[in-house]
C-alpha atoms as a PDB file:
ATOM      1  CA  MET A   1      17.580   1.114 -20.760  1.00  0.00           C
ATOM      2  CA  VAL A   2      15.338  -2.228 -22.163  1.00  0.00           C
ATOM      3  CA  PRO A   3      12.620  -1.106 -23.780  1.00  0.00           C
ATOM      4  CA  VAL A   4       9.668  -1.792 -21.741  1.00  0.00           C
ATOM      5  CA  THR A   5       6.355  -2.232 -23.410  1.00  0.00           C
ATOM      6  CA  ILE A   6       2.878  -2.570 -22.257  1.00  0.00           C
ATOM      7  CA  ALA A   7       2.135  -5.559 -24.584  1.00  0.00           C
ATOM      8  CA  GLU A   8       4.965  -7.589 -21.790  1.00  0.00           C
ATOM      9  CA  PRO A   9       3.579  -9.770 -19.198  1.00  0.00           C
ATOM     10  CA  ALA A  10       5.601  -7.610 -16.228  1.00  0.00           C
ATOM     11  CA  VAL A  11       4.014  -4.850 -17.172  1.00  0.00           C
ATOM     12  CA  GLN A  12       0.493  -5.994 -17.465  1.00  0.00           C
ATOM     13  CA  SER A  13       1.475  -7.678 -14.308  1.00  0.00           C
ATOM     14  CA  TYR A  14       2.636  -4.149 -12.841  1.00  0.00           C
ATOM     15  CA  ILE A  15      -0.380  -2.699 -14.106  1.00  0.00           C
ATOM     16  CA  LEU A  16      -2.941  -4.986 -12.603  1.00  0.00           C
ATOM     17  CA  TYR A  17      -1.608  -5.225  -8.670  1.00  0.00           C
ATOM     18  CA  SER A  18      -0.499  -0.983  -9.192  1.00  0.00           C
ATOM     19  CA  GLY A  19      -4.600  -0.511  -9.869  1.00  0.00           C
ATOM     20  CA  ILE A  20      -5.609  -2.804  -7.010  1.00  0.00           C
ATOM     21  CA  LEU A  21      -3.264  -1.102  -4.774  1.00  0.00           C
ATOM     22  CA  ALA A  22      -4.986   2.197  -5.864  1.00  0.00           C
ATOM     23  CA  LEU A  23      -8.226   0.688  -5.186  1.00  0.00           C
ATOM     24  CA  LYS A  24      -7.239  -0.115  -1.359  1.00  0.00           C
ATOM     25  CA  VAL A  25      -6.139   3.355  -0.976  1.00  0.00           C
ATOM     26  CA  LEU A  26      -9.548   5.165  -2.385  1.00  0.00           C
ATOM     27  CA  ALA A  27     -11.440   2.272   0.112  1.00  0.00           C
ATOM     28  CA  MET A  28      -8.743   3.088   3.381  1.00  0.00           C
ATOM     29  CA  ALA A  29     -10.767   6.368   3.295  1.00  0.00           C
ATOM     30  CA  VAL A  30     -13.862   4.228   3.082  1.00  0.00           C
ATOM     31  CA  LEU A  31     -12.955   2.626   5.972  1.00  0.00           C
ATOM     32  CA  THR A  32     -11.874   5.009   8.160  1.00  0.00           C
ATOM     33  CA  GLY A  33     -15.058   7.126   7.520  1.00  0.00           C
ATOM     34  CA  ARG A  34     -16.793   4.031   8.507  1.00  0.00           C
ATOM     35  CA  GLN A  35     -15.414   3.703  11.264  1.00  0.00           C
ATOM     36  CA  ARG A  36     -16.410   7.639  12.411  1.00  0.00           C
ATOM     37  CA  PHE A  37     -20.025   7.100  11.636  1.00  0.00           C
ATOM     38  CA  ARG A  38     -19.296   3.636  13.902  1.00  0.00           C
ATOM     39  CA  LYS A  39     -18.238   5.711  16.713  1.00  0.00           C
ATOM     40  CA  LYS A  40     -19.889   8.792  15.868  1.00  0.00           C
ATOM     41  CA  VAL A  41     -15.887  10.385  16.502  1.00  0.00           C
ATOM     42  CA  PHE A  42     -15.330  13.378  13.229  1.00  0.00           C
ATOM     43  CA  ALA A  43     -12.380  15.534  13.056  1.00  0.00           C
ATOM     44  CA  ASN A  44     -14.544  18.610  12.070  1.00  0.00           C
ATOM     45  CA  GLU A  45     -17.461  20.732  13.514  1.00  0.00           C
ATOM     46  CA  GLU A  46     -19.708  20.475  11.041  1.00  0.00           C
ATOM     47  CA  ASP A  47     -20.159  16.756  10.568  1.00  0.00           C
ATOM     48  CA  ALA A  48     -19.867  15.976  13.962  1.00  0.00           C
ATOM     49  CA  LYS A  49     -23.203  18.507  14.559  1.00  0.00           C
ATOM     50  CA  LYS A  50     -25.656  16.706  11.352  1.00  0.00           C
ATOM     51  CA  THR A  51     -24.704  12.965  12.886  1.00  0.00           C
ATOM     52  CA  LYS A  52     -25.358  14.685  16.572  1.00  0.00           C
ATOM     53  CA  GLY A  53     -21.851  13.077  17.447  1.00  0.00           C
ATOM     54  CA  ILE A  54     -18.409  14.724  18.899  1.00  0.00           C
ATOM     55  CA  VAL A  55     -14.771  16.005  17.215  1.00  0.00           C
ATOM     56  CA  LYS A  56     -12.288  13.231  18.851  1.00  0.00           C
ATOM     57  CA  PHE A  57      -8.683  13.600  17.380  1.00  0.00           C
ATOM     58  CA  ASP A  58      -8.030  10.626  19.427  1.00  0.00           C
ATOM     59  CA  ASP A  59     -10.664   8.390  19.361  1.00  0.00           C
ATOM     60  CA  PRO A  60      -8.460   4.189  19.268  1.00  0.00           C
ATOM     61  CA  ASP A  61     -10.201   2.697  16.731  1.00  0.00           C
ATOM     62  CA  VAL A  62     -10.562   6.007  14.121  1.00  0.00           C
ATOM     63  CA  GLU A  63      -7.125   6.138  14.807  1.00  0.00           C
ATOM     64  CA  ARG A  64      -6.217   2.842  13.675  1.00  0.00           C
ATOM     65  CA  VAL A  65      -7.432   2.997  10.846  1.00  0.00           C
ATOM     66  CA  ARG A  66      -6.195   6.775   9.829  1.00  0.00           C
ATOM     67  CA  ARG A  67      -3.093   5.092  10.457  1.00  0.00           C
ATOM     68  CA  ALA A  68      -2.581   2.580   7.888  1.00  0.00           C
ATOM     69  CA  HIS A  69      -4.325   4.782   5.501  1.00  0.00           C
ATOM     70  CA  LEU A  70      -1.288   6.819   6.189  1.00  0.00           C
ATOM     71  CA  ASN A  71       0.977   4.272   6.209  1.00  0.00           C
ATOM     72  CA  ASP A  72      -0.397   2.614   2.596  1.00  0.00           C
ATOM     73  CA  LEU A  73      -0.122   6.267   1.635  1.00  0.00           C
ATOM     74  CA  GLU A  74       3.433   6.498   2.822  1.00  0.00           C
ATOM     75  CA  ASN A  75       4.242   2.969   1.300  1.00  0.00           C
ATOM     76  CA  ILE A  76       1.865   2.199  -2.229  1.00  0.00           C
ATOM     77  CA  PRO A  77       3.278   5.598  -4.226  1.00  0.00           C
ATOM     78  CA  VAL A  78       6.469   4.106  -3.460  1.00  0.00           C
ATOM     79  CA  PHE A  79       5.830   1.174  -4.724  1.00  0.00           C
ATOM     80  CA  TRP A  80       4.489   2.213  -7.899  1.00  0.00           C
ATOM     81  CA  VAL A  81       7.473   4.377  -8.202  1.00  0.00           C
ATOM     82  CA  LEU A  82       9.796   1.348  -7.595  1.00  0.00           C
ATOM     83  CA  GLY A  83       8.044  -1.508  -9.184  1.00  0.00           C
ATOM     84  CA  ALA A  84       8.114   0.827 -12.636  1.00  0.00           C
ATOM     85  CA  LEU A  85      11.969   1.554 -12.764  1.00  0.00           C
ATOM     86  CA  TYR A  86      12.198  -1.555 -11.731  1.00  0.00           C
ATOM     87  CA  LEU A  87      10.697  -2.962 -15.025  1.00  0.00           C
ATOM     88  CA  THR A  88      13.356  -0.892 -16.662  1.00  0.00           C
ATOM     89  CA  THR A  89      15.935  -3.453 -15.863  1.00  0.00           C
ATOM     90  CA  GLY A  90      14.385  -6.454 -18.017  1.00  0.00           C
ATOM     91  CA  PRO A  91      13.723  -8.831 -15.089  1.00  0.00           C
ATOM     92  CA  SER A  92      12.267 -12.106 -15.746  1.00  0.00           C
ATOM     93  CA  SER A  93       8.389 -11.603 -16.107  1.00  0.00           C
ATOM     94  CA  ALA A  94       8.002 -14.702 -13.639  1.00  0.00           C
ATOM     95  CA  LEU A  95       9.963 -12.980 -11.062  1.00  0.00           C
ATOM     96  CA  ALA A  96       8.383  -9.215 -11.795  1.00  0.00           C
ATOM     97  CA  THR A  97       4.845 -11.036 -11.291  1.00  0.00           C
ATOM     98  CA  LEU A  98       6.090 -13.101  -8.258  1.00  0.00           C
ATOM     99  CA  LEU A  99       7.325  -9.502  -6.775  1.00  0.00           C
ATOM    100  CA  PHE A 100       4.017  -8.024  -7.014  1.00  0.00           C
ATOM    101  CA  ARG A 101       1.751 -10.085  -6.239  1.00  0.00           C
ATOM    102  CA  VAL A 102       3.570 -10.582  -3.103  1.00  0.00           C
ATOM    103  CA  TYR A 103       3.913  -6.972  -2.033  1.00  0.00           C
ATOM    104  CA  THR A 104      -0.222  -6.536  -3.078  1.00  0.00           C
ATOM    105  CA  ALA A 105      -0.644  -9.380  -0.557  1.00  0.00           C
ATOM    106  CA  GLY A 106       1.032  -7.666   1.850  1.00  0.00           C
ATOM    107  CA  ARG A 107      -0.325  -4.243   2.313  1.00  0.00           C
ATOM    108  CA  VAL A 108      -3.224  -6.401   1.738  1.00  0.00           C
ATOM    109  CA  LEU A 109      -3.233  -8.212   4.770  1.00  0.00           C
ATOM    110  CA  HIS A 110      -1.299  -5.426   6.597  1.00  0.00           C
ATOM    111  CA  THR A 111      -4.369  -3.313   6.079  1.00  0.00           C
ATOM    112  CA  ILE A 112      -6.478  -6.882   7.562  1.00  0.00           C
ATOM    113  CA  VAL A 113      -4.481  -7.317  10.620  1.00  0.00           C
ATOM    114  CA  TYR A 114      -3.904  -3.881  11.547  1.00  0.00           C
ATOM    115  CA  ALA A 115      -7.199  -2.250  11.263  1.00  0.00           C
ATOM    116  CA  VAL A 116      -9.691  -4.542  10.187  1.00  0.00           C
ATOM    117  CA  LYS A 117      -9.011  -7.337  12.757  1.00  0.00           C
ATOM    118  CA  PRO A 118      -6.187  -6.149  14.806  1.00  0.00           C
ATOM    119  CA  LEU A 119      -4.081  -9.584  15.689  1.00  0.00           C
ATOM    120  CA  PRO A 120      -0.975  -9.174  17.412  1.00  0.00           C
ATOM    121  CA  GLN A 121       2.731  -8.794  16.375  1.00  0.00           C
ATOM    122  CA  PRO A 122       4.895 -10.461  14.975  1.00  0.00           C
ATOM    123  CA  ALA A 123       1.584 -10.553  12.547  1.00  0.00           C
ATOM    124  CA  ARG A 124       1.928  -7.046  11.441  1.00  0.00           C
ATOM    125  CA  GLY A 125       5.273  -6.810  11.019  1.00  0.00           C
ATOM    126  CA  ILE A 126       5.858  -9.784   8.842  1.00  0.00           C
ATOM    127  CA  ALA A 127       2.578  -7.909   6.445  1.00  0.00           C
ATOM    128  CA  TYR A 128       4.808  -5.115   6.714  1.00  0.00           C
ATOM    129  CA  GLY A 129       8.531  -6.100   6.483  1.00  0.00           C
ATOM    130  CA  ILE A 130       7.930  -8.743   3.413  1.00  0.00           C
ATOM    131  CA  PRO A 131       6.781  -5.546   1.036  1.00  0.00           C
ATOM    132  CA  TYR A 132       9.419  -3.625   2.571  1.00  0.00           C
ATOM    133  CA  LEU A 133      12.064  -5.890   1.732  1.00  0.00           C
ATOM    134  CA  ILE A 134      10.715  -6.096  -1.999  1.00  0.00           C
ATOM    135  CA  LYS A 135      11.036  -2.541  -2.366  1.00  0.00           C
ATOM    136  CA  TRP A 136      14.676  -2.961  -1.153  1.00  0.00           C
ATOM    137  CA  TYR A 137      15.355  -5.189  -3.338  1.00  0.00           C
ATOM    138  CA  MET A 138      13.767  -3.579  -6.579  1.00  0.00           C
ATOM    139  CA  GLY A 139      15.725   0.008  -5.627  1.00  0.00           C
ATOM    140  CA  PHE A 140      19.319  -2.491  -5.258  1.00  0.00           C
ATOM    141  CA  LYS A 141      18.150  -4.086  -8.554  1.00  0.00           C
ATOM    142  CA  ILE A 142      17.423  -0.685 -10.606  1.00  0.00           C
ATOM    143  CA  VAL A 143      20.799   0.935  -8.629  1.00  0.00           C
ATOM    144  CA  SER A 144      23.186  -1.745  -9.608  1.00  0.00           C
ATOM    145  CA  HIS A 145      21.479  -2.326 -12.959  1.00  0.00           C
ATOM    146  CA  TYR A 146      21.627   1.679 -13.832  1.00  0.00           C
ATOM    147  CA  LEU A 147      25.300   1.974 -11.901  1.00  0.00           C
ATOM    148  CA  THR A 148      26.978  -0.770 -14.178  1.00  0.00           C
ATOM    149  CA  ALA A 149      25.498   0.752 -17.240  1.00  0.00           C
ATOM    150  CA  LEU A 150      27.506   3.756 -16.847  1.00  0.00           C
END
């Protein structure tokens, strides 16, 4: 295992982009709430009563934002795990930073083209696919690094 310290630029980059992604996940809850209030469509009776809205589980605009949020919850934690493990393989700081930066930009872009200002395909596919490939790359590097160390 390669020793990893917080003073290393790649580690600092990982921390920075992980923090941005965490804030993005939190912002998705706000975006969902904003969409619910805008449409006056809620999942709970007490919320609907308080705002004179309705209970509805299939509003297309609310569901689009919820799906984008769920997509973040399915993908970003995997990045956190793989990114941290990837750092232990001793990647160059420049490559690690590039991967973390592109991953984060792709996830932000994915939210924009999916939930904020929906664009036709292949916009969402590209915004999803590039970060997805980055996770595969890091995962492969982790496995191959430690497989050869056995």
